[in-house]
Each structure stands twice: as structure tokens, then as C-alpha cells.
Protein backbone atom coordinates (compact mmCIF):
# COMPACT_ATOMS: atom_id res chain seq x y z
CA MET A 1 0.01 -36.12 1.29
CA ALA A 2 -1.69 -32.73 1.62
CA TRP A 3 -1.79 -30.79 4.87
CA GLN A 4 -4.88 -31.27 6.98
CA GLU A 5 -5.14 -28.40 9.44
CA ILE A 6 -3.79 -25.07 10.54
CA ARG A 7 -3.50 -25.01 14.32
CA ARG A 8 -1.69 -23.39 17.20
CA VAL A 9 1.76 -24.66 18.06
CA ALA A 10 1.70 -27.48 20.64
CA ALA A 11 4.42 -28.96 22.86
CA ARG A 12 4.43 -32.16 20.78
CA ASP A 13 5.60 -30.11 17.77
CA GLU A 14 8.93 -29.07 19.23
CA ALA A 15 11.30 -31.34 17.27
CA ARG A 16 9.63 -30.74 13.91
CA TRP A 17 9.13 -27.02 14.65
CA ARG A 18 12.87 -26.71 15.37
CA GLU A 19 13.64 -28.32 12.00
CA LEU A 20 11.31 -25.92 10.19
CA TRP A 21 12.69 -22.95 12.15
CA ALA A 22 16.27 -23.94 11.23
CA GLY A 23 15.25 -24.27 7.57
CA TYR A 24 13.68 -20.82 7.64
CA ILE A 25 16.74 -19.22 9.23
CA ALA A 26 19.02 -20.96 6.71
CA PHE A 27 16.85 -19.81 3.78
CA TYR A 28 17.34 -16.19 4.83
CA ARG A 29 21.05 -16.79 5.46
CA GLY A 30 20.65 -15.75 9.07
CA SER A 31 21.57 -16.93 12.50
CA VAL A 32 19.57 -16.98 15.71
CA THR A 33 20.96 -17.78 19.14
CA LYS A 34 19.78 -20.79 21.11
CA GLU A 35 18.47 -18.36 23.72
CA ALA A 36 16.35 -16.49 21.17
CA THR A 37 14.98 -19.76 19.79
CA ALA A 38 14.12 -20.96 23.31
CA ALA A 39 12.39 -17.66 24.10
CA LEU A 40 10.39 -17.84 20.86
CA TRP A 41 9.34 -21.42 21.57
CA SER A 42 8.19 -20.46 25.07
CA SER A 43 6.20 -17.52 23.71
CA LEU A 44 4.53 -19.69 21.09
CA LEU A 45 3.52 -22.29 23.66
CA ALA A 46 2.15 -19.61 25.99
CA ASP A 47 -0.08 -18.47 23.10
CA GLU A 48 -0.72 -15.09 24.68
CA GLY A 49 0.91 -11.72 24.60
CA GLU A 50 2.63 -10.18 21.63
CA VAL A 51 4.14 -13.24 19.90
CA ARG A 52 1.90 -15.93 18.43
CA GLY A 53 2.07 -18.63 15.82
CA TYR A 54 0.45 -21.45 13.91
CA VAL A 55 1.66 -24.59 12.19
CA ALA A 56 0.28 -26.45 9.21
CA ASP A 57 -0.07 -30.12 10.14
CA ARG A 58 -0.72 -32.91 7.70
CA GLY A 59 -1.36 -35.50 10.35
CA GLU A 60 2.30 -36.44 10.72
CA GLY A 61 3.47 -33.20 12.31
CA PRO A 62 4.06 -29.66 11.11
CA VAL A 63 5.05 -28.91 7.52
CA GLY A 64 4.87 -25.13 7.80
CA LEU A 65 4.90 -22.33 10.34
CA VAL A 66 3.89 -18.71 10.75
CA HIS A 67 4.93 -16.40 13.60
CA TYR A 68 3.62 -12.90 14.12
CA VAL A 69 3.95 -10.09 16.60
CA PHE A 70 1.38 -7.58 17.85
CA HIS A 71 2.65 -4.14 18.75
CA ARG A 72 1.44 -0.59 19.30
CA SER A 73 1.39 1.99 16.56
CA THR A 74 1.73 5.76 16.55
CA TRP A 75 -0.90 5.89 13.79
CA SER A 76 -3.75 4.20 15.63
CA THR A 77 -5.08 3.28 19.06
CA GLN A 78 -5.48 -0.27 17.72
CA PRO A 79 -2.58 -2.72 17.63
CA ILE A 80 -0.76 -3.56 14.43
CA CYS A 81 0.42 -7.06 13.50
CA TYR A 82 3.80 -7.88 11.98
CA LEU A 83 3.86 -11.24 10.21
CA GLN A 84 7.52 -11.93 10.90
CA ASP A 85 8.16 -15.55 9.89
CA LEU A 86 6.51 -17.75 7.27
CA TYR A 87 8.02 -21.03 6.14
CA VAL A 88 6.82 -24.19 4.43
CA ALA A 89 8.93 -27.35 4.05
CA LYS A 90 10.32 -27.85 0.54
CA GLY A 91 8.27 -30.91 -0.32
CA THR A 92 5.02 -29.17 0.64
CA ARG A 93 5.42 -25.83 -1.16
CA GLY A 94 3.00 -24.77 -3.86
CA GLY A 95 -0.04 -26.47 -2.34
CA GLY A 96 -1.63 -23.50 -0.59
CA VAL A 97 -0.13 -24.04 2.86
CA ALA A 98 1.58 -20.62 3.01
CA ARG A 99 -1.64 -18.83 2.07
CA GLU A 100 -3.60 -20.73 4.73
CA LEU A 101 -0.99 -19.92 7.37
CA MET A 102 -1.21 -16.25 6.39
CA GLU A 103 -5.01 -16.34 6.50
CA ALA A 104 -4.86 -17.77 10.04
CA CYS A 105 -2.60 -14.87 11.04
CA PHE A 106 -4.96 -12.36 9.39
CA ALA A 107 -7.97 -13.83 11.20
CA ASP A 108 -6.22 -13.75 14.57
CA ALA A 109 -5.07 -10.17 13.99
CA LYS A 110 -8.60 -9.13 13.11
CA ALA A 111 -9.98 -10.87 16.22
CA ALA A 112 -7.36 -9.05 18.32
CA GLY A 113 -8.54 -5.71 16.93
CA ALA A 114 -5.46 -5.01 14.84
CA PHE A 115 -5.92 -2.43 12.10
CA ARG A 116 -3.29 -3.87 9.76
CA VAL A 117 -1.00 -6.83 9.11
CA TYR A 118 2.29 -6.15 7.39
CA TRP A 119 5.28 -8.24 6.36
CA GLN A 120 8.47 -8.11 4.34
CA THR A 121 10.62 -10.49 2.32
CA GLN A 122 13.88 -10.49 0.43
CA GLU A 123 13.83 -9.35 -3.18
CA TYR A 124 15.27 -12.71 -4.25
CA ASN A 125 12.32 -14.61 -2.75
CA GLY A 126 10.34 -14.74 -5.98
CA ALA A 127 8.13 -17.65 -4.95
CA ALA A 128 6.89 -15.86 -1.84
CA ARG A 129 6.53 -12.55 -3.65
CA SER A 130 4.34 -14.18 -6.31
CA LEU A 131 1.99 -15.32 -3.52
CA TYR A 132 2.08 -11.99 -1.69
CA ASP A 133 1.23 -10.11 -4.89
CA THR A 134 -2.05 -12.05 -5.07
CA ILE A 135 -2.98 -10.96 -1.53
CA VAL A 136 -2.20 -7.24 -1.54
CA PRO A 137 -0.21 -4.81 -3.69
CA ARG A 138 3.40 -4.20 -2.65
CA SER A 139 3.94 -1.05 -0.63
CA SER A 140 6.41 1.64 -1.63
CA PHE A 141 8.29 1.51 1.68
CA ILE A 142 11.96 0.56 1.78
CA VAL A 143 13.40 -1.10 4.89
CA TYR A 144 16.60 0.19 6.51
CA ARG A 145 18.40 -1.67 9.30
CA LYS A 146 21.01 -0.30 11.65
CA PRO A 147 22.73 -2.83 13.90
CA LEU A 148 23.19 -1.73 17.52
């Protein structure tokens, strides 16, 4: 069954959202504390402030998610939007859900007055990179991370 709508996260989505979130974290070989997950969920439900998100719902609950963060920039008086998390359940991939989730993020960022949306992925994520390459050319920036 194909997905039916892209919509804001709702309280009824919690169980399925947690499954998708866990799948996303596992895909990137990461770990997130229960406290961080709870804080993210609360932010998504509040649907205001810096952290926002959408789910793709095919009538039986979410099959994909996108989370993004608005923040200030030193290069503009307008906010900038970081598309931080994008995930689609395995059985649903390849059907356009990821692109539609991204488009929802882009539209919200534009409505919020953001001057740019940016995102990153792992080099090994060829499937995502093949989609991203159809949306915008890859930048020349390299990401460095220093744990604190």
C-alpha cells in the first residue's frame, strides 16, 4: 500500500514513531538516550520552536519521518534550517516518501522565512545520496566533530 499523506506528528503516532526512530538510530549505528528521545518527542508534539517534524502516513500509521531544526546564522538575519533526521521504513523505500518528507520540510522552512535548508549523510548511504543528488548538488564542505 502506498503512503497517503505527509502530516505533522500526532500523539497517536508515538509507538510507531518510536519504532521508526529506533530504526533510524540503528541505521546510523548510533545511540540516543531515553531522555533525548523523550525531549524530541515532546518538541515534535509541541510543533513550535526550533524543532519540528512530519511523518508519512499510509492510513495505518507512520512509515517515514523527518525532523528538522531552525537556528540562527552568522551569514543572514533570516533563520537557517537543518534537516537532521530522515527515515523511511524498509518496506516503503523507493516510492517517493523520502522526497515528499523533504519537500514538506522545505515548504515549512520557506514559510518560516529560512534562507536555506541543509543536511548531511554518511558516505555509505548510497540510496539517500542518489535521491539528494536529484534535489541539489553536493556541497564541498567536510564535517568535523569533536566530542565534548
